[in-house]
Amino acid sequence: MKIPGIVIVLLTAGALSAVAQESPGEQIKYGAKKTGEAIKDTAKAVGRTTKSTAKTVGRKTKEAWRETKAKAREVTEERQ
């Protein structure tokens, strides 16, 4: 029973020392890097969505303009 207990204590001490080796500055640096990558990925996704939306709005605006122009011609011709 003493040997497994000693093994567990040694493994726990080894794990804690590995975690403690990273200084707070390194942990902050790593966290900032991960946050920056997440923001970059999100910005790219937003850019793609915005571009797609702008294309759709442009296409729909052209369609509406054409339909309005055609209807205006019809009304003008009917009045003459």
PDB file of N, CA and C in Angstrom:
ATOM      1  N   MET A   1       0.805  -1.184   0.000  1.00  0.00           N
ATOM      2  CA  MET A   1       0.000   0.000   0.000  1.00  0.00           C
ATOM      3  C   MET A   1       0.850   1.250   0.000  1.00  0.00           C
ATOM      4  N   LYS A   2       2.035   1.164   0.532  1.00  0.00           N
ATOM      5  CA  LYS A   2       2.884   2.349   0.588  1.00  0.00           C
ATOM      6  C   LYS A   2       3.428   2.706  -0.792  1.00  0.00           C
ATOM      7  N   ILE A   3       3.721   1.720  -1.625  1.00  0.00           N
ATOM      8  CA  ILE A   3       4.315   1.984  -2.936  1.00  0.00           C
ATOM      9  C   ILE A   3       3.339   2.730  -3.850  1.00  0.00           C
ATOM     10  N   PRO A   4       2.080   2.291  -3.986  1.00  0.00           N
ATOM     11  CA  PRO A   4       1.152   3.067  -4.828  1.00  0.00           C
ATOM     12  C   PRO A   4       0.958   4.488  -4.306  1.00  0.00           C
ATOM     13  N   GLY A   5       0.928   4.649  -3.014  1.00  0.00           N
ATOM     14  CA  GLY A   5       0.788   5.985  -2.434  1.00  0.00           C
ATOM     15  C   GLY A   5       1.969   6.874  -2.792  1.00  0.00           C
ATOM     16  N   ILE A   6       3.170   6.300  -2.733  1.00  0.00           N
ATOM     17  CA  ILE A   6       4.383   7.055  -3.074  1.00  0.00           C
ATOM     18  C   ILE A   6       4.377   7.397  -4.560  1.00  0.00           C
ATOM     19  N   VAL A   7       3.956   6.456  -5.400  1.00  0.00           N
ATOM     20  CA  VAL A   7       3.892   6.697  -6.841  1.00  0.00           C
ATOM     21  C   VAL A   7       2.917   7.832  -7.140  1.00  0.00           C
ATOM     22  N   ILE A   8       1.773   7.807  -6.480  1.00  0.00           N
ATOM     23  CA  ILE A   8       0.781   8.867  -6.700  1.00  0.00           C
ATOM     24  C   ILE A   8       1.328  10.211  -6.270  1.00  0.00           C
ATOM     25  N   VAL A   9       2.000  10.248  -5.148  1.00  0.00           N
ATOM     26  CA  VAL A   9       2.582  11.502  -4.660  1.00  0.00           C
ATOM     27  C   VAL A   9       3.636  12.010  -5.638  1.00  0.00           C
ATOM     28  N   LEU A  10       4.470  11.118  -6.138  1.00  0.00           N
ATOM     29  CA  LEU A  10       5.516  11.530  -7.085  1.00  0.00           C
ATOM     30  C   LEU A  10       4.913  12.025  -8.400  1.00  0.00           C
ATOM     31  N   LEU A  11       3.898  11.337  -8.896  1.00  0.00           N
ATOM     32  CA  LEU A  11       3.254  11.776 -10.135  1.00  0.00           C
ATOM     33  C   LEU A  11       2.571  13.128  -9.946  1.00  0.00           C
ATOM     34  N   THR A  12       1.932  13.309  -8.821  1.00  0.00           N
ATOM     35  CA  THR A  12       1.275  14.590  -8.536  1.00  0.00           C
ATOM     36  C   THR A  12       2.300  15.702  -8.437  1.00  0.00           C
ATOM     37  N   ALA A  13       3.406  15.441  -7.762  1.00  0.00           N
ATOM     38  CA  ALA A  13       4.462  16.447  -7.629  1.00  0.00           C
ATOM     39  C   ALA A  13       5.054  16.784  -8.988  1.00  0.00           C
ATOM     40  N   GLY A  14       5.224  15.772  -9.832  1.00  0.00           N
ATOM     41  CA  GLY A  14       5.752  16.023 -11.172  1.00  0.00           C
ATOM     42  C   GLY A  14       4.802  16.856 -12.020  1.00  0.00           C
ATOM     43  N   ALA A  15       3.529  16.563 -11.910  1.00  0.00           N
ATOM     44  CA  ALA A  15       2.531  17.320 -12.676  1.00  0.00           C
ATOM     45  C   ALA A  15       2.480  18.761 -12.200  1.00  0.00           C
ATOM     46  N   LEU A  16       2.498  18.957 -10.908  1.00  0.00           N
ATOM     47  CA  LEU A  16       2.449  20.321 -10.365  1.00  0.00           C
ATOM     48  C   LEU A  16       3.690  21.122 -10.741  1.00  0.00           C
ATOM     49  N   SER A  17       4.841  20.467 -10.742  1.00  0.00           N
ATOM     50  CA  SER A  17       6.055  21.195 -11.108  1.00  0.00           C
ATOM     51  C   SER A  17       6.045  21.556 -12.597  1.00  0.00           C
ATOM     52  N   ALA A  18       5.449  20.706 -13.435  1.00  0.00           N
ATOM     53  CA  ALA A  18       5.363  21.012 -14.869  1.00  0.00           C
ATOM     54  C   ALA A  18       4.459  22.205 -15.094  1.00  0.00           C
ATOM     55  N   VAL A  19       3.364  22.280 -14.364  1.00  0.00           N
ATOM     56  CA  VAL A  19       2.442  23.412 -14.496  1.00  0.00           C
ATOM     57  C   VAL A  19       3.093  24.675 -13.955  1.00  0.00           C
ATOM     58  N   ALA A  20       3.821  24.537 -12.874  1.00  0.00           N
ATOM     59  CA  ALA A  20       4.437  25.700 -12.237  1.00  0.00           C
ATOM     60  C   ALA A  20       5.603  26.255 -13.049  1.00  0.00           C
ATOM     61  N   GLN A  21       6.125  25.500 -13.999  1.00  0.00           N
ATOM     62  CA  GLN A  21       7.252  25.973 -14.786  1.00  0.00           C
ATOM     63  C   GLN A  21       6.874  27.132 -15.699  1.00  0.00           C
ATOM     64  N   GLU A  22       5.631  27.197 -16.099  1.00  0.00           N
ATOM     65  CA  GLU A  22       5.205  28.315 -16.932  1.00  0.00           C
ATOM     66  C   GLU A  22       5.002  29.523 -16.033  1.00  0.00           C
ATOM     67  N   SER A  23       5.715  30.570 -16.348  1.00  0.00           N
ATOM     68  CA  SER A  23       5.568  31.780 -15.548  1.00  0.00           C
ATOM     69  C   SER A  23       4.248  32.464 -15.900  1.00  0.00           C
ATOM     70  N   PRO A  24       3.771  33.328 -15.026  1.00  0.00           N
ATOM     71  CA  PRO A  24       2.537  34.049 -15.342  1.00  0.00           C
ATOM     72  C   PRO A  24       2.638  34.831 -16.652  1.00  0.00           C
ATOM     73  N   GLY A  25       3.819  35.364 -16.924  1.00  0.00           N
ATOM     74  CA  GLY A  25       4.015  36.095 -18.180  1.00  0.00           C
ATOM     75  C   GLY A  25       3.832  35.204 -19.390  1.00  0.00           C
ATOM     76  N   GLU A  26       4.348  33.980 -19.309  1.00  0.00           N
ATOM     77  CA  GLU A  26       4.200  33.028 -20.418  1.00  0.00           C
ATOM     78  C   GLU A  26       2.746  32.599 -20.566  1.00  0.00           C
ATOM     79  N   GLN A  27       2.067  32.420 -19.443  1.00  0.00           N
ATOM     80  CA  GLN A  27       0.656  32.043 -19.489  1.00  0.00           C
ATOM     81  C   GLN A  27      -0.173  33.152 -20.122  1.00  0.00           C
ATOM     82  N   ILE A  28       0.123  34.399 -19.770  1.00  0.00           N
ATOM     83  CA  ILE A  28      -0.583  35.542 -20.352  1.00  0.00           C
ATOM     84  C   ILE A  28      -0.291  35.626 -21.849  1.00  0.00           C
ATOM     85  N   LYS A  29       0.960  35.422 -22.199  1.00  0.00           N
ATOM     86  CA  LYS A  29       1.365  35.471 -23.609  1.00  0.00           C
ATOM     87  C   LYS A  29       0.626  34.396 -24.416  1.00  0.00           C
ATOM     88  N   TYR A  30       0.543  33.201 -23.870  1.00  0.00           N
ATOM     89  CA  TYR A  30      -0.150  32.104 -24.543  1.00  0.00           C
ATOM     90  C   TYR A  30      -1.649  32.419 -24.677  1.00  0.00           C
ATOM     91  N   GLY A  31      -2.241  32.913 -23.607  1.00  0.00           N
ATOM     92  CA  GLY A  31      -3.656  33.273 -23.640  1.00  0.00           C
ATOM     93  C   GLY A  31      -3.935  34.375 -24.645  1.00  0.00           C
ATOM     94  N   ALA A  32      -3.049  35.367 -24.694  1.00  0.00           N
ATOM     95  CA  ALA A  32      -3.225  36.468 -25.648  1.00  0.00           C
ATOM     96  C   ALA A  32      -3.101  35.971 -27.081  1.00  0.00           C
ATOM     97  N   LYS A  33      -2.188  35.041 -27.303  1.00  0.00           N
ATOM     98  CA  LYS A  33      -2.017  34.485 -28.648  1.00  0.00           C
ATOM     99  C   LYS A  33      -3.283  33.740 -29.079  1.00  0.00           C
ATOM    100  N   LYS A  34      -3.822  32.919 -28.194  1.00  0.00           N
ATOM    101  CA  LYS A  34      -5.042  32.170 -28.509  1.00  0.00           C
ATOM    102  C   LYS A  34      -6.215  33.120 -28.742  1.00  0.00           C
ATOM    103  N   THR A  35      -6.304  34.162 -27.926  1.00  0.00           N
ATOM    104  CA  THR A  35      -7.384  35.142 -28.092  1.00  0.00           C
ATOM    105  C   THR A  35      -7.243  35.857 -29.427  1.00  0.00           C
ATOM    106  N   GLY A  36      -6.018  36.235 -29.769  1.00  0.00           N
ATOM    107  CA  GLY A  36      -5.772  36.906 -31.047  1.00  0.00           C
ATOM    108  C   GLY A  36      -6.154  36.041 -32.231  1.00  0.00           C
ATOM    109  N   GLU A  37      -5.821  34.752 -32.151  1.00  0.00           N
ATOM    110  CA  GLU A  37      -6.176  33.829 -33.231  1.00  0.00           C
ATOM    111  C   GLU A  37      -7.697  33.699 -33.356  1.00  0.00           C
ATOM    112  N   ALA A  38      -8.378  33.643 -32.225  1.00  0.00           N
ATOM    113  CA  ALA A  38      -9.843  33.523 -32.248  1.00  0.00           C
ATOM    114  C   ALA A  38     -10.473  34.782 -32.841  1.00  0.00           C
ATOM    115  N   ILE A  39      -9.945  35.943 -32.483  1.00  0.00           N
ATOM    116  CA  ILE A  39     -10.469  37.204 -33.023  1.00  0.00           C
ATOM    117  C   ILE A  39     -10.222  37.271 -34.521  1.00  0.00           C
ATOM    118  N   LYS A  40      -9.058  36.842 -34.956  1.00  0.00           N
ATOM    119  CA  LYS A  40      -8.722  36.852 -36.382  1.00  0.00           C
ATOM    120  C   LYS A  40      -9.667  35.941 -37.167  1.00  0.00           C
ATOM    121  N   ASP A  41      -9.908  34.744 -36.654  1.00  0.00           N
ATOM    122  CA  ASP A  41     -10.819  33.816 -37.326  1.00  0.00           C
ATOM    123  C   ASP A  41     -12.237  34.383 -37.392  1.00  0.00           C
ATOM    124  N   THR A  42     -12.666  34.993 -36.307  1.00  0.00           N
ATOM    125  CA  THR A  42     -14.002  35.585 -36.275  1.00  0.00           C
ATOM    126  C   THR A  42     -14.114  36.736 -37.259  1.00  0.00           C
ATOM    127  N   ALA A  43     -13.081  37.571 -37.318  1.00  0.00           N
ATOM    128  CA  ALA A  43     -13.095  38.706 -38.247  1.00  0.00           C
ATOM    129  C   ALA A  43     -13.166  38.220 -39.700  1.00  0.00           C
ATOM    130  N   LYS A  44     -12.453  37.149 -40.006  1.00  0.00           N
ATOM    131  CA  LYS A  44     -12.515  36.593 -41.361  1.00  0.00           C
ATOM    132  C   LYS A  44     -13.922  36.100 -41.682  1.00  0.00           C
ATOM    133  N   ALA A  45     -14.539  35.423 -40.731  1.00  0.00           N
ATOM    134  CA  ALA A  45     -15.896  34.912 -40.944  1.00  0.00           C
ATOM    135  C   ALA A  45     -16.884  36.063 -41.138  1.00  0.00           C
ATOM    136  N   VAL A  46     -16.737  37.098 -40.342  1.00  0.00           N
ATOM    137  CA  VAL A  46     -17.613  38.260 -40.467  1.00  0.00           C
ATOM    138  C   VAL A  46     -17.395  38.928 -41.821  1.00  0.00           C
ATOM    139  N   GLY A  47     -16.147  39.025 -42.246  1.00  0.00           N
ATOM    140  CA  GLY A  47     -15.848  39.622 -43.550  1.00  0.00           C
ATOM    141  C   GLY A  47     -16.486  38.857 -44.693  1.00  0.00           C
ATOM    142  N   ARG A  48     -16.407  37.540 -44.621  1.00  0.00           N
ATOM    143  CA  ARG A  48     -17.031  36.711 -45.679  1.00  0.00           C
ATOM    144  C   ARG A  48     -18.545  36.911 -45.693  1.00  0.00           C
ATOM    145  N   THR A  49     -19.144  36.922 -44.524  1.00  0.00           N
ATOM    146  CA  THR A  49     -20.593  37.103 -44.438  1.00  0.00           C
ATOM    147  C   THR A  49     -21.006  38.475 -44.937  1.00  0.00           C
ATOM    148  N   THR A  50     -20.250  39.492 -44.564  1.00  0.00           N
ATOM    149  CA  THR A  50     -20.566  40.855 -44.993  1.00  0.00           C
ATOM    150  C   THR A  50     -20.449  40.976 -46.503  1.00  0.00           C
ATOM    151  N   LYS A  51     -19.422  40.378 -47.068  1.00  0.00           N
ATOM    152  CA  LYS A  51     -19.226  40.428 -48.520  1.00  0.00           C
ATOM    153  C   LYS A  51     -20.397  39.746 -49.234  1.00  0.00           C
ATOM    154  N   SER A  52     -20.796  38.600 -48.736  1.00  0.00           N
ATOM    155  CA  SER A  52     -21.913  37.873 -49.331  1.00  0.00           C
ATOM    156  C   SER A  52     -23.204  38.681 -49.229  1.00  0.00           C
ATOM    157  N   THR A  53     -23.422  39.290 -48.081  1.00  0.00           N
ATOM    158  CA  THR A  53     -24.623  40.102 -47.883  1.00  0.00           C
ATOM    159  C   THR A  53     -24.630  41.302 -48.806  1.00  0.00           C
ATOM    160  N   ALA A  54     -23.485  41.942 -48.963  1.00  0.00           N
ATOM    161  CA  ALA A  54     -23.396  43.108 -49.847  1.00  0.00           C
ATOM    162  C   ALA A  54     -23.706  42.720 -51.294  1.00  0.00           C
ATOM    163  N   LYS A  55     -23.218  41.575 -51.721  1.00  0.00           N
ATOM    164  CA  LYS A  55     -23.507  41.105 -53.078  1.00  0.00           C
ATOM    165  C   LYS A  55     -25.009  40.861 -53.257  1.00  0.00           C
ATOM    166  N   THR A  56     -25.618  40.237 -52.263  1.00  0.00           N
ATOM    167  CA  THR A  56     -27.049  39.956 -52.336  1.00  0.00           C
ATOM    168  C   THR A  56     -27.855  41.247 -52.383  1.00  0.00           C
ATOM    169  N   VAL A  57     -27.505  42.208 -51.546  1.00  0.00           N
ATOM    170  CA  VAL A  57     -28.214  43.489 -51.529  1.00  0.00           C
ATOM    171  C   VAL A  57     -28.053  44.186 -52.876  1.00  0.00           C
ATOM    172  N   GLY A  58     -26.858  44.175 -53.438  1.00  0.00           N
ATOM    173  CA  GLY A  58     -26.629  44.793 -54.743  1.00  0.00           C
ATOM    174  C   GLY A  58     -27.458  44.142 -55.833  1.00  0.00           C
ATOM    175  N   ARG A  59     -27.503  42.826 -55.807  1.00  0.00           N
ATOM    176  CA  ARG A  59     -28.272  42.094 -56.816  1.00  0.00           C
ATOM    177  C   ARG A  59     -29.766  42.398 -56.680  1.00  0.00           C
ATOM    178  N   LYS A  60     -30.276  42.387 -55.480  1.00  0.00           N
ATOM    179  CA  LYS A  60     -31.696  42.673 -55.252  1.00  0.00           C
ATOM    180  C   LYS A  60     -32.040  44.119 -55.608  1.00  0.00           C
ATOM    181  N   THR A  61     -31.125  45.029 -55.348  1.00  0.00           N
ATOM    182  CA  THR A  61     -31.354  46.434 -55.693  1.00  0.00           C
ATOM    183  C   THR A  61     -31.450  46.596 -57.201  1.00  0.00           C
ATOM    184  N   LYS A  62     -30.575  45.932 -57.939  1.00  0.00           N
ATOM    185  CA  LYS A  62     -30.635  45.988 -59.405  1.00  0.00           C
ATOM    186  C   LYS A  62     -31.954  45.418 -59.912  1.00  0.00           C
ATOM    187  N   GLU A  63     -32.354  44.281 -59.341  1.00  0.00           N
ATOM    188  CA  GLU A  63     -33.616  43.667 -59.762  1.00  0.00           C
ATOM    189  C   GLU A  63     -34.786  44.615 -59.511  1.00  0.00           C
ATOM    190  N   ALA A  64     -34.816  45.222 -58.342  1.00  0.00           N
ATOM    191  CA  ALA A  64     -35.905  46.150 -58.011  1.00  0.00           C
ATOM    192  C   ALA A  64     -35.895  47.351 -58.944  1.00  0.00           C
ATOM    193  N   TRP A  65     -34.713  47.862 -59.259  1.00  0.00           N
ATOM    194  CA  TRP A  65     -34.611  49.011 -60.161  1.00  0.00           C
ATOM    195  C   TRP A  65     -35.141  48.643 -61.544  1.00  0.00           C
ATOM    196  N   ARG A  66     -34.764  47.458 -62.027  1.00  0.00           N
ATOM    197  CA  ARG A  66     -35.224  47.023 -63.350  1.00  0.00           C
ATOM    198  C   ARG A  66     -36.738  46.845 -63.368  1.00  0.00           C
ATOM    199  N   GLU A  67     -37.276  46.239 -62.337  1.00  0.00           N
ATOM    200  CA  GLU A  67     -38.725  46.040 -62.278  1.00  0.00           C
ATOM    201  C   GLU A  67     -39.459  47.377 -62.206  1.00  0.00           C
ATOM    202  N   THR A  68     -38.921  48.306 -61.430  1.00  0.00           N
ATOM    203  CA  THR A  68     -39.538  49.621 -61.317  1.00  0.00           C
ATOM    204  C   THR A  68     -39.494  50.358 -62.648  1.00  0.00           C
ATOM    205  N   LYS A  69     -38.354  50.267 -63.330  1.00  0.00           N
ATOM    206  CA  LYS A  69     -38.213  50.932 -64.616  1.00  0.00           C
ATOM    207  C   LYS A  69     -39.183  50.332 -65.642  1.00  0.00           C
ATOM    208  N   ALA A  70     -39.309  49.009 -65.654  1.00  0.00           N
ATOM    209  CA  ALA A  70     -40.230  48.345 -66.583  1.00  0.00           C
ATOM    210  C   ALA A  70     -41.678  48.726 -66.284  1.00  0.00           C
ATOM    211  N   LYS A  71     -42.028  48.782 -65.037  1.00  0.00           N
ATOM    212  CA  LYS A  71     -43.392  49.159 -64.651  1.00  0.00           C
ATOM    213  C   LYS A  71     -43.679  50.611 -65.029  1.00  0.00           C
ATOM    214  N   ALA A  72     -42.675  51.475 -64.843  1.00  0.00           N
ATOM    215  CA  ALA A  72     -42.849  52.880 -65.213  1.00  0.00           C
ATOM    216  C   ALA A  72     -43.090  53.014 -66.720  1.00  0.00           C
ATOM    217  N   ARG A  73     -42.403  52.217 -67.514  1.00  0.00           N
ATOM    218  CA  ARG A  73     -42.605  52.244 -68.976  1.00  0.00           C
ATOM    219  C   ARG A  73     -44.012  51.790 -69.315  1.00  0.00           C
ATOM    220  N   GLU A  74     -44.474  50.727 -68.646  1.00  0.00           N
ATOM    221  CA  GLU A  74     -45.819  50.230 -68.908  1.00  0.00           C
ATOM    222  C   GLU A  74     -46.866  51.299 -68.603  1.00  0.00           C
ATOM    223  N   VAL A  75     -46.713  51.944 -67.471  1.00  0.00           N
ATOM    224  CA  VAL A  75     -47.673  52.976 -67.078  1.00  0.00           C
ATOM    225  C   VAL A  75     -47.630  54.142 -68.054  1.00  0.00           C
ATOM    226  N   THR A  76     -46.463  54.528 -68.504  1.00  0.00           N
ATOM    227  CA  THR A  76     -46.301  55.620 -69.448  1.00  0.00           C
ATOM    228  C   THR A  76     -46.955  55.272 -70.775  1.00  0.00           C
ATOM    229  N   GLU A  77     -46.748  54.053 -71.238  1.00  0.00           N
ATOM    230  CA  GLU A  77     -47.348  53.617 -72.493  1.00  0.00           C
ATOM    231  C   GLU A  77     -48.870  53.544 -72.402  1.00  0.00           C
ATOM    232  N   GLU A  78     -49.398  53.123 -71.272  1.00  0.00           N
ATOM    233  CA  GLU A  78     -50.844  53.031 -71.085  1.00  0.00           C
ATOM    234  C   GLU A  78     -51.487  54.410 -71.106  1.00  0.00           C
ATOM    235  N   ARG A  79     -50.827  55.406 -70.598  1.00  0.00           N
ATOM    236  CA  ARG A  79     -51.357  56.759 -70.534  1.00  0.00           C
ATOM    237  C   ARG A  79     -51.371  57.431 -71.907  1.00  0.00           C
ATOM    238  N   GLN A  80     -50.559  56.966 -72.803  1.00  0.00           N
ATOM    239  CA  GLN A  80     -50.471  57.632 -74.113  1.00  0.00           C
ATOM    240  C   GLN A  80     -51.515  57.179 -75.017  1.00  0.00           C
TER     241      GLN A  80
END
